[in-house]
Amino acid sequence: MNLLVLYLLLLKASLMSFSGLGSLPIIRDDFVVQRHVLTDHQVNTAVVAGRTGPGPFGLYLVCIGYYVAGIPGAAAAYLALVTPAFLVLPLIRWLGPRADEPLIRNAIQGVLLGSAGLLLAASVPLARDAITGPLMLAIVIASFAILSFTKLEAAWLMFGAAIVGLVAKLVAP
């Protein structure tokens, strides 16, 4: 597959996704159904590899690029993954001086509220799966309170929550 075509297909998937795996249906349609360059098993393997390591959930796109065209494909996929971040720069330059205009301010508030809704919609199923007992519920409530009312960095909070969960597992029979 041509690297430019690969980049453009992955860029389309990256632009259409607001939450990592939201681009999965696009990826499957473009690479498995339409072009037959990947199998479902390869897509699943790429998702697992991308979600296993640190970084954004959309990192699996780099694995998709690698499966399609090796190292050059992975590089094209990485560029497709970071391009939207650079597209924001001219948008910010244009919006910056106009941010106080009521029309622009309302549009920004709409996008902000839509993003908050997406985060909430993604968080509820994760919370349902993670809160398995009273201790886990206590960790959630304490974490919310600490982040809301203190200036503690989130990394320290995550580290502390991990220690509490580990100790609870070691102490519990």
N, C-alpha and C. Protein backbone atom coordinates (compact mmCIF):
# COMPACT_ATOMS: atom_id res chain seq x y z
N MET A 1 0.84 -1.18 0.00
CA MET A 1 0.00 0.00 0.00
C MET A 1 0.89 1.24 0.00
N ASN A 2 0.50 2.22 -0.77
CA ASN A 2 1.20 3.49 -0.86
C ASN A 2 1.20 4.16 0.51
N LEU A 3 2.36 4.71 0.93
CA LEU A 3 2.47 5.33 2.26
C LEU A 3 1.59 6.57 2.40
N LEU A 4 1.41 7.32 1.32
CA LEU A 4 0.55 8.50 1.40
C LEU A 4 -0.91 8.08 1.63
N VAL A 5 -1.34 7.04 0.93
CA VAL A 5 -2.70 6.53 1.13
C VAL A 5 -2.85 6.00 2.56
N LEU A 6 -1.85 5.28 3.03
CA LEU A 6 -1.88 4.77 4.41
C LEU A 6 -1.99 5.93 5.39
N TYR A 7 -1.17 6.97 5.20
CA TYR A 7 -1.22 8.14 6.08
C TYR A 7 -2.61 8.78 6.05
N LEU A 8 -3.16 8.98 4.88
CA LEU A 8 -4.47 9.64 4.77
C LEU A 8 -5.58 8.82 5.40
N LEU A 9 -5.55 7.49 5.24
CA LEU A 9 -6.56 6.64 5.86
C LEU A 9 -6.45 6.69 7.38
N LEU A 10 -5.23 6.64 7.89
CA LEU A 10 -5.04 6.69 9.33
C LEU A 10 -5.33 8.08 9.89
N LEU A 11 -5.05 9.12 9.10
CA LEU A 11 -5.39 10.48 9.52
C LEU A 11 -6.91 10.62 9.62
N LYS A 12 -7.63 10.07 8.66
CA LYS A 12 -9.09 10.10 8.72
C LYS A 12 -9.58 9.42 9.99
N ALA A 13 -9.02 8.27 10.31
CA ALA A 13 -9.43 7.56 11.52
C ALA A 13 -9.08 8.36 12.76
N SER A 14 -7.91 8.98 12.76
CA SER A 14 -7.49 9.78 13.91
C SER A 14 -8.38 11.00 14.11
N LEU A 15 -8.76 11.65 13.02
CA LEU A 15 -9.61 12.83 13.10
C LEU A 15 -11.04 12.49 13.51
N MET A 16 -11.50 11.29 13.18
CA MET A 16 -12.87 10.90 13.48
C MET A 16 -13.03 10.27 14.86
N SER A 17 -11.94 10.17 15.59
CA SER A 17 -11.99 9.50 16.88
C SER A 17 -11.76 10.49 18.00
N PHE A 18 -12.68 10.48 18.97
CA PHE A 18 -12.51 11.33 20.14
C PHE A 18 -12.10 10.52 21.36
N SER A 19 -12.08 9.20 21.22
CA SER A 19 -11.67 8.37 22.34
C SER A 19 -11.00 7.11 21.83
N GLY A 20 -9.72 7.19 21.61
CA GLY A 20 -8.90 6.06 21.22
C GLY A 20 -9.51 5.04 20.29
N LEU A 21 -10.34 4.16 20.82
CA LEU A 21 -10.88 3.07 20.03
C LEU A 21 -12.10 3.47 19.20
N GLY A 22 -12.50 4.73 19.27
CA GLY A 22 -13.61 5.19 18.45
C GLY A 22 -13.32 5.08 16.96
N SER A 23 -12.06 5.01 16.61
CA SER A 23 -11.68 4.88 15.20
C SER A 23 -11.65 3.42 14.73
N LEU A 24 -11.86 2.48 15.62
CA LEU A 24 -11.78 1.06 15.26
C LEU A 24 -12.71 0.65 14.12
N PRO A 25 -13.98 1.08 14.13
CA PRO A 25 -14.83 0.71 12.99
C PRO A 25 -14.31 1.25 11.65
N ILE A 26 -13.75 2.46 11.67
CA ILE A 26 -13.19 3.05 10.46
C ILE A 26 -11.98 2.25 9.99
N ILE A 27 -11.11 1.89 10.94
CA ILE A 27 -9.91 1.10 10.62
C ILE A 27 -10.31 -0.24 10.02
N ARG A 28 -11.25 -0.92 10.65
CA ARG A 28 -11.67 -2.23 10.16
C ARG A 28 -12.25 -2.13 8.76
N ASP A 29 -13.10 -1.13 8.54
CA ASP A 29 -13.71 -0.98 7.23
C ASP A 29 -12.65 -0.69 6.16
N ASP A 30 -11.74 0.24 6.44
CA ASP A 30 -10.74 0.62 5.44
C ASP A 30 -9.72 -0.48 5.15
N PHE A 31 -9.24 -1.16 6.20
CA PHE A 31 -8.12 -2.08 6.02
C PHE A 31 -8.52 -3.55 5.89
N VAL A 32 -9.62 -3.95 6.50
CA VAL A 32 -10.04 -5.36 6.44
C VAL A 32 -11.10 -5.55 5.36
N VAL A 33 -12.16 -4.74 5.39
CA VAL A 33 -13.30 -4.94 4.50
C VAL A 33 -13.03 -4.40 3.09
N GLN A 34 -12.60 -3.15 2.99
CA GLN A 34 -12.45 -2.51 1.67
C GLN A 34 -11.17 -2.92 0.94
N ARG A 35 -10.03 -2.87 1.62
CA ARG A 35 -8.74 -3.06 0.95
C ARG A 35 -8.11 -4.44 1.18
N HIS A 36 -8.58 -5.20 2.12
CA HIS A 36 -8.11 -6.57 2.40
C HIS A 36 -6.59 -6.64 2.64
N VAL A 37 -6.04 -5.62 3.34
CA VAL A 37 -4.61 -5.65 3.64
C VAL A 37 -4.34 -6.16 5.04
N LEU A 38 -5.37 -6.26 5.87
CA LEU A 38 -5.25 -6.80 7.22
C LEU A 38 -6.37 -7.79 7.47
N THR A 39 -6.14 -8.65 8.46
CA THR A 39 -7.19 -9.55 8.91
C THR A 39 -7.75 -9.03 10.24
N ASP A 40 -8.89 -9.55 10.63
CA ASP A 40 -9.44 -9.16 11.94
C ASP A 40 -8.48 -9.52 13.06
N HIS A 41 -7.79 -10.65 12.92
CA HIS A 41 -6.83 -11.06 13.94
C HIS A 41 -5.69 -10.04 14.07
N GLN A 42 -5.20 -9.53 12.95
CA GLN A 42 -4.14 -8.53 13.00
C GLN A 42 -4.63 -7.23 13.64
N VAL A 43 -5.85 -6.84 13.35
CA VAL A 43 -6.41 -5.63 13.97
C VAL A 43 -6.53 -5.83 15.48
N ASN A 44 -7.03 -7.01 15.88
CA ASN A 44 -7.14 -7.30 17.32
C ASN A 44 -5.78 -7.29 17.99
N THR A 45 -4.78 -7.87 17.34
CA THR A 45 -3.42 -7.89 17.89
C THR A 45 -2.87 -6.47 18.02
N ALA A 46 -3.13 -5.63 17.03
CA ALA A 46 -2.67 -4.24 17.08
C ALA A 46 -3.33 -3.49 18.24
N VAL A 47 -4.61 -3.73 18.45
CA VAL A 47 -5.31 -3.07 19.55
C VAL A 47 -4.73 -3.51 20.89
N VAL A 48 -4.50 -4.81 21.04
CA VAL A 48 -3.93 -5.31 22.30
C VAL A 48 -2.54 -4.72 22.52
N ALA A 49 -1.72 -4.71 21.49
CA ALA A 49 -0.36 -4.16 21.63
C ALA A 49 -0.41 -2.67 21.97
N GLY A 50 -1.30 -1.94 21.33
CA GLY A 50 -1.40 -0.50 21.58
C GLY A 50 -1.94 -0.18 22.96
N ARG A 51 -2.85 -1.00 23.46
CA ARG A 51 -3.45 -0.74 24.77
C ARG A 51 -2.58 -1.26 25.92
N THR A 52 -1.67 -2.17 25.64
CA THR A 52 -0.84 -2.75 26.69
C THR A 52 0.23 -1.77 27.16
N GLY A 53 0.80 -1.01 26.24
CA GLY A 53 1.87 -0.10 26.61
C GLY A 53 1.34 1.23 27.10
N PRO A 54 2.24 2.08 27.59
CA PRO A 54 1.82 3.40 28.04
C PRO A 54 1.50 4.30 26.84
N GLY A 55 0.76 5.34 27.09
CA GLY A 55 0.45 6.28 26.03
C GLY A 55 -1.03 6.31 25.73
N PRO A 56 -1.39 7.07 24.71
CA PRO A 56 -2.82 7.22 24.39
C PRO A 56 -3.41 5.93 23.83
N PHE A 57 -4.74 5.79 23.99
CA PHE A 57 -5.41 4.60 23.48
C PHE A 57 -5.32 4.49 21.97
N GLY A 58 -5.20 5.60 21.27
CA GLY A 58 -5.10 5.58 19.81
C GLY A 58 -3.76 5.12 19.30
N LEU A 59 -2.86 4.78 20.21
CA LEU A 59 -1.52 4.33 19.82
C LEU A 59 -1.56 3.06 18.98
N TYR A 60 -2.65 2.33 19.05
CA TYR A 60 -2.75 1.11 18.25
C TYR A 60 -2.67 1.40 16.76
N LEU A 61 -2.91 2.65 16.36
CA LEU A 61 -2.80 3.02 14.94
C LEU A 61 -1.37 2.82 14.44
N VAL A 62 -0.38 3.03 15.31
CA VAL A 62 1.01 2.81 14.91
C VAL A 62 1.23 1.33 14.61
N CYS A 63 0.62 0.45 15.40
CA CYS A 63 0.72 -0.99 15.14
C CYS A 63 0.03 -1.35 13.82
N ILE A 64 -1.10 -0.71 13.53
CA ILE A 64 -1.80 -0.93 12.26
C ILE A 64 -0.87 -0.55 11.11
N GLY A 65 -0.25 0.62 11.22
CA GLY A 65 0.68 1.07 10.18
C GLY A 65 1.83 0.10 10.00
N TYR A 66 2.33 -0.44 11.11
CA TYR A 66 3.42 -1.40 11.04
C TYR A 66 2.99 -2.68 10.32
N TYR A 67 1.80 -3.18 10.64
CA TYR A 67 1.30 -4.38 9.97
C TYR A 67 1.14 -4.16 8.47
N VAL A 68 0.73 -2.97 8.08
CA VAL A 68 0.47 -2.72 6.66
C VAL A 68 1.76 -2.50 5.88
N ALA A 69 2.72 -1.73 6.44
CA ALA A 69 3.90 -1.37 5.65
C ALA A 69 5.20 -1.36 6.44
N GLY A 70 5.29 -2.12 7.52
CA GLY A 70 6.54 -2.21 8.28
C GLY A 70 6.89 -0.89 8.98
N ILE A 71 8.18 -0.65 9.14
CA ILE A 71 8.66 0.55 9.84
C ILE A 71 8.19 1.84 9.14
N PRO A 72 8.28 1.94 7.81
CA PRO A 72 7.75 3.16 7.18
C PRO A 72 6.24 3.35 7.44
N GLY A 73 5.50 2.26 7.50
CA GLY A 73 4.07 2.35 7.80
C GLY A 73 3.83 2.82 9.22
N ALA A 74 4.66 2.35 10.17
CA ALA A 74 4.53 2.79 11.56
C ALA A 74 4.83 4.28 11.66
N ALA A 75 5.83 4.75 10.90
CA ALA A 75 6.16 6.18 10.90
C ALA A 75 5.01 7.00 10.32
N ALA A 76 4.41 6.52 9.24
CA ALA A 76 3.27 7.21 8.64
C ALA A 76 2.10 7.25 9.62
N ALA A 77 1.89 6.16 10.34
CA ALA A 77 0.80 6.10 11.33
C ALA A 77 1.06 7.07 12.47
N TYR A 78 2.30 7.14 12.93
CA TYR A 78 2.64 8.09 13.99
C TYR A 78 2.35 9.52 13.54
N LEU A 79 2.74 9.84 12.31
CA LEU A 79 2.47 11.18 11.78
C LEU A 79 0.96 11.45 11.71
N ALA A 80 0.20 10.43 11.32
CA ALA A 80 -1.25 10.59 11.26
C ALA A 80 -1.84 10.78 12.64
N LEU A 81 -1.21 10.19 13.63
CA LEU A 81 -1.68 10.30 15.02
C LEU A 81 -1.41 11.69 15.60
N VAL A 82 -0.27 12.30 15.23
CA VAL A 82 0.08 13.59 15.81
C VAL A 82 -0.37 14.78 14.97
N THR A 83 -0.73 14.56 13.72
CA THR A 83 -1.14 15.66 12.85
C THR A 83 -2.30 16.48 13.42
N PRO A 84 -3.35 15.85 13.97
CA PRO A 84 -4.44 16.67 14.50
C PRO A 84 -4.00 17.67 15.57
N ALA A 85 -2.99 17.31 16.35
CA ALA A 85 -2.49 18.24 17.36
C ALA A 85 -1.91 19.49 16.71
N PHE A 86 -1.25 19.33 15.57
CA PHE A 86 -0.68 20.48 14.89
C PHE A 86 -1.73 21.28 14.13
N LEU A 87 -2.83 20.64 13.75
CA LEU A 87 -3.92 21.36 13.09
C LEU A 87 -4.63 22.31 14.05
N VAL A 88 -4.49 22.05 15.34
CA VAL A 88 -5.12 22.90 16.35
C VAL A 88 -4.40 24.25 16.44
N LEU A 89 -3.11 24.28 16.14
CA LEU A 89 -2.34 25.52 16.29
C LEU A 89 -2.91 26.67 15.45
N PRO A 90 -3.16 26.49 14.14
CA PRO A 90 -3.76 27.62 13.40
C PRO A 90 -5.16 27.96 13.90
N LEU A 91 -5.89 26.96 14.35
CA LEU A 91 -7.22 27.20 14.88
C LEU A 91 -7.15 28.10 16.13
N ILE A 92 -6.20 27.81 17.01
CA ILE A 92 -6.02 28.61 18.22
C ILE A 92 -5.58 30.03 17.84
N ARG A 93 -4.69 30.13 16.86
CA ARG A 93 -4.23 31.46 16.42
C ARG A 93 -5.40 32.28 15.90
N TRP A 94 -6.31 31.65 15.18
CA TRP A 94 -7.47 32.35 14.64
C TRP A 94 -8.49 32.66 15.74
N LEU A 95 -8.71 31.66 16.64
CA LEU A 95 -9.72 31.84 17.69
C LEU A 95 -9.27 32.77 18.81
N GLY A 96 -7.98 32.80 19.10
CA GLY A 96 -7.46 33.57 20.23
C GLY A 96 -8.01 34.99 20.32
N PRO A 97 -7.82 35.80 19.28
CA PRO A 97 -8.32 37.18 19.36
C PRO A 97 -9.85 37.28 19.34
N ARG A 98 -10.52 36.23 18.89
CA ARG A 98 -11.98 36.27 18.78
C ARG A 98 -12.68 35.53 19.93
N ALA A 99 -11.94 35.03 20.88
CA ALA A 99 -12.51 34.17 21.93
C ALA A 99 -13.56 34.87 22.78
N ASP A 100 -13.53 36.19 22.84
CA ASP A 100 -14.50 36.92 23.65
C ASP A 100 -15.79 37.24 22.89
N GLU A 101 -15.82 37.00 21.59
CA GLU A 101 -17.04 37.22 20.82
C GLU A 101 -18.09 36.20 21.26
N PRO A 102 -19.33 36.63 21.47
CA PRO A 102 -20.37 35.71 21.99
C PRO A 102 -20.55 34.45 21.13
N LEU A 103 -20.51 34.57 19.82
CA LEU A 103 -20.71 33.40 18.96
C LEU A 103 -19.59 32.38 19.15
N ILE A 104 -18.35 32.86 19.16
CA ILE A 104 -17.20 31.97 19.34
C ILE A 104 -17.20 31.39 20.74
N ARG A 105 -17.48 32.22 21.75
CA ARG A 105 -17.51 31.76 23.13
C ARG A 105 -18.56 30.65 23.32
N ASN A 106 -19.72 30.84 22.72
CA ASN A 106 -20.77 29.81 22.81
C ASN A 106 -20.35 28.52 22.10
N ALA A 107 -19.68 28.64 20.97
CA ALA A 107 -19.20 27.45 20.26
C ALA A 107 -18.17 26.70 21.09
N ILE A 108 -17.25 27.46 21.70
CA ILE A 108 -16.23 26.83 22.55
C ILE A 108 -16.88 26.15 23.75
N GLN A 109 -17.86 26.80 24.37
CA GLN A 109 -18.56 26.19 25.50
C GLN A 109 -19.29 24.92 25.07
N GLY A 110 -19.88 24.94 23.88
CA GLY A 110 -20.55 23.74 23.37
C GLY A 110 -19.58 22.59 23.19
N VAL A 111 -18.42 22.87 22.62
CA VAL A 111 -17.41 21.82 22.45
C VAL A 111 -16.92 21.32 23.80
N LEU A 112 -16.70 22.23 24.74
CA LEU A 112 -16.26 21.85 26.08
C LEU A 112 -17.28 20.96 26.77
N LEU A 113 -18.55 21.34 26.69
CA LEU A 113 -19.60 20.52 27.32
C LEU A 113 -19.76 19.17 26.61
N GLY A 114 -19.64 19.17 25.29
CA GLY A 114 -19.68 17.91 24.55
C GLY A 114 -18.54 16.99 24.97
N SER A 115 -17.34 17.56 25.14
CA SER A 115 -16.19 16.77 25.59
C SER A 115 -16.41 16.23 27.00
N ALA A 116 -16.98 17.06 27.87
CA ALA A 116 -17.27 16.60 29.23
C ALA A 116 -18.27 15.46 29.20
N GLY A 117 -19.27 15.56 28.33
CA GLY A 117 -20.24 14.47 28.19
C GLY A 117 -19.59 13.19 27.70
N LEU A 118 -18.66 13.32 26.73
CA LEU A 118 -17.95 12.13 26.25
C LEU A 118 -17.12 11.50 27.36
N LEU A 119 -16.43 12.33 28.14
CA LEU A 119 -15.64 11.80 29.25
C LEU A 119 -16.52 11.11 30.28
N LEU A 120 -17.65 11.72 30.58
CA LEU A 120 -18.56 11.12 31.54
C LEU A 120 -19.11 9.80 31.01
N ALA A 121 -19.50 9.79 29.75
CA ALA A 121 -20.03 8.56 29.15
C ALA A 121 -18.99 7.45 29.14
N ALA A 122 -17.73 7.79 28.95
CA ALA A 122 -16.67 6.78 28.97
C ALA A 122 -16.32 6.37 30.40
N SER A 123 -16.48 7.30 31.35
CA SER A 123 -16.11 7.02 32.74
C SER A 123 -17.10 6.12 33.47
N VAL A 124 -18.38 6.26 33.18
CA VAL A 124 -19.40 5.48 33.89
C VAL A 124 -19.19 3.97 33.71
N PRO A 125 -19.02 3.47 32.47
CA PRO A 125 -18.78 2.02 32.35
C PRO A 125 -17.49 1.57 33.01
N LEU A 126 -16.45 2.41 32.95
CA LEU A 126 -15.19 2.05 33.61
C LEU A 126 -15.38 1.97 35.11
N ALA A 127 -16.12 2.93 35.67
CA ALA A 127 -16.37 2.92 37.12
C ALA A 127 -17.20 1.70 37.52
N ARG A 128 -18.22 1.36 36.73
CA ARG A 128 -19.03 0.18 37.04
C ARG A 128 -18.18 -1.08 37.10
N ASP A 129 -17.22 -1.16 36.19
CA ASP A 129 -16.37 -2.34 36.14
C ASP A 129 -15.35 -2.34 37.28
N ALA A 130 -14.87 -1.17 37.67
CA ALA A 130 -13.78 -1.08 38.65
C ALA A 130 -14.25 -1.09 40.10
N ILE A 131 -15.44 -0.56 40.38
CA ILE A 131 -15.92 -0.48 41.76
C ILE A 131 -16.55 -1.83 42.12
N THR A 132 -15.74 -2.66 42.76
CA THR A 132 -16.17 -4.04 43.06
C THR A 132 -16.51 -4.25 44.52
N GLY A 133 -16.36 -3.22 45.33
CA GLY A 133 -16.66 -3.38 46.75
C GLY A 133 -16.54 -2.05 47.47
N PRO A 134 -16.75 -2.07 48.77
CA PRO A 134 -16.72 -0.83 49.56
C PRO A 134 -15.35 -0.13 49.53
N LEU A 135 -14.26 -0.89 49.55
CA LEU A 135 -12.93 -0.26 49.53
C LEU A 135 -12.72 0.49 48.22
N MET A 136 -13.11 -0.12 47.11
CA MET A 136 -12.94 0.54 45.82
C MET A 136 -13.80 1.80 45.72
N LEU A 137 -15.00 1.74 46.26
CA LEU A 137 -15.86 2.91 46.30
C LEU A 137 -15.23 4.01 47.16
N ALA A 138 -14.63 3.62 48.26
CA ALA A 138 -13.95 4.58 49.13
C ALA A 138 -12.77 5.24 48.41
N ILE A 139 -12.04 4.46 47.62
CA ILE A 139 -10.92 5.02 46.85
C ILE A 139 -11.44 6.04 45.84
N VAL A 140 -12.55 5.73 45.18
CA VAL A 140 -13.12 6.66 44.21
C VAL A 140 -13.55 7.96 44.90
N ILE A 141 -14.26 7.85 46.01
CA ILE A 141 -14.75 9.04 46.72
C ILE A 141 -13.58 9.86 47.26
N ALA A 142 -12.60 9.19 47.86
CA ALA A 142 -11.43 9.90 48.39
C ALA A 142 -10.64 10.57 47.25
N SER A 143 -10.50 9.89 46.15
CA SER A 143 -9.78 10.47 45.00
C SER A 143 -10.48 11.71 44.48
N PHE A 144 -11.80 11.62 44.35
CA PHE A 144 -12.56 12.78 43.90
C PHE A 144 -12.39 13.95 44.85
N ALA A 145 -12.51 13.68 46.14
CA ALA A 145 -12.39 14.75 47.14
C ALA A 145 -10.99 15.36 47.12
N ILE A 146 -9.98 14.52 47.07
CA ILE A 146 -8.60 15.02 47.08
C ILE A 146 -8.32 15.87 45.84
N LEU A 147 -8.74 15.40 44.67
CA LEU A 147 -8.51 16.18 43.46
C LEU A 147 -9.34 17.45 43.41
N SER A 148 -10.51 17.42 44.02
CA SER A 148 -11.39 18.59 43.99
C SER A 148 -10.97 19.68 44.98
N PHE A 149 -10.42 19.28 46.14
CA PHE A 149 -10.21 20.25 47.21
C PHE A 149 -8.75 20.46 47.59
N THR A 150 -7.82 19.80 46.91
CA THR A 150 -6.40 20.02 47.19
C THR A 150 -5.67 20.29 45.88
N LYS A 151 -4.39 20.55 45.99
CA LYS A 151 -3.56 20.77 44.81
C LYS A 151 -2.61 19.60 44.57
N LEU A 152 -2.96 18.44 45.11
CA LEU A 152 -2.12 17.26 44.93
C LEU A 152 -2.10 16.87 43.46
N GLU A 153 -0.93 16.53 42.97
CA GLU A 153 -0.80 16.12 41.57
C GLU A 153 -1.47 14.76 41.36
N ALA A 154 -2.07 14.60 40.21
CA ALA A 154 -2.82 13.38 39.90
C ALA A 154 -1.91 12.15 39.94
N ALA A 155 -0.65 12.29 39.54
CA ALA A 155 0.26 11.14 39.54
C ALA A 155 0.44 10.60 40.96
N TRP A 156 0.55 11.48 41.95
CA TRP A 156 0.69 11.04 43.34
C TRP A 156 -0.58 10.36 43.82
N LEU A 157 -1.71 10.90 43.40
CA LEU A 157 -2.98 10.29 43.77
C LEU A 157 -3.08 8.87 43.20
N MET A 158 -2.71 8.70 41.94
CA MET A 158 -2.77 7.38 41.31
C MET A 158 -1.81 6.41 42.00
N PHE A 159 -0.63 6.91 42.35
CA PHE A 159 0.34 6.07 43.05
C PHE A 159 -0.21 5.63 44.41
N GLY A 160 -0.79 6.58 45.15
CA GLY A 160 -1.37 6.25 46.45
C GLY A 160 -2.52 5.27 46.34
N ALA A 161 -3.40 5.47 45.35
CA ALA A 161 -4.53 4.56 45.16
C ALA A 161 -4.04 3.16 44.80
N ALA A 162 -2.99 3.08 44.00
CA ALA A 162 -2.43 1.77 43.65
C ALA A 162 -1.86 1.07 44.89
N ILE A 163 -1.19 1.81 45.74
CA ILE A 163 -0.64 1.24 46.98
C ILE A 163 -1.77 0.74 47.88
N VAL A 164 -2.83 1.55 48.04
CA VAL A 164 -3.95 1.13 48.88
C VAL A 164 -4.58 -0.14 48.32
N GLY A 165 -4.79 -0.19 47.00
CA GLY A 165 -5.37 -1.39 46.39
C GLY A 165 -4.47 -2.60 46.55
N LEU A 166 -3.17 -2.42 46.42
CA LEU A 166 -2.22 -3.53 46.57
C LEU A 166 -2.19 -4.03 48.01
N VAL A 167 -2.13 -3.12 48.97
CA VAL A 167 -2.12 -3.50 50.38
C VAL A 167 -3.42 -4.22 50.74
N ALA A 168 -4.53 -3.72 50.23
CA ALA A 168 -5.83 -4.36 50.53
C ALA A 168 -5.85 -5.78 49.99
N LYS A 169 -5.26 -5.99 48.83
CA LYS A 169 -5.24 -7.34 48.24
C LYS A 169 -4.32 -8.27 49.05
N LEU A 170 -3.22 -7.73 49.53
CA LEU A 170 -2.28 -8.55 50.30
C LEU A 170 -2.82 -8.87 51.69
N VAL A 171 -3.57 -7.95 52.30
CA VAL A 171 -4.10 -8.14 53.64
C VAL A 171 -5.32 -9.04 53.62
N ALA A 172 -6.17 -8.89 52.59
CA ALA A 172 -7.42 -9.66 52.51
C ALA A 172 -7.11 -11.14 52.26
N PRO A 173 -7.87 -12.03 52.88
CA PRO A 173 -7.61 -13.48 52.70
C PRO A 173 -7.97 -13.95 51.31
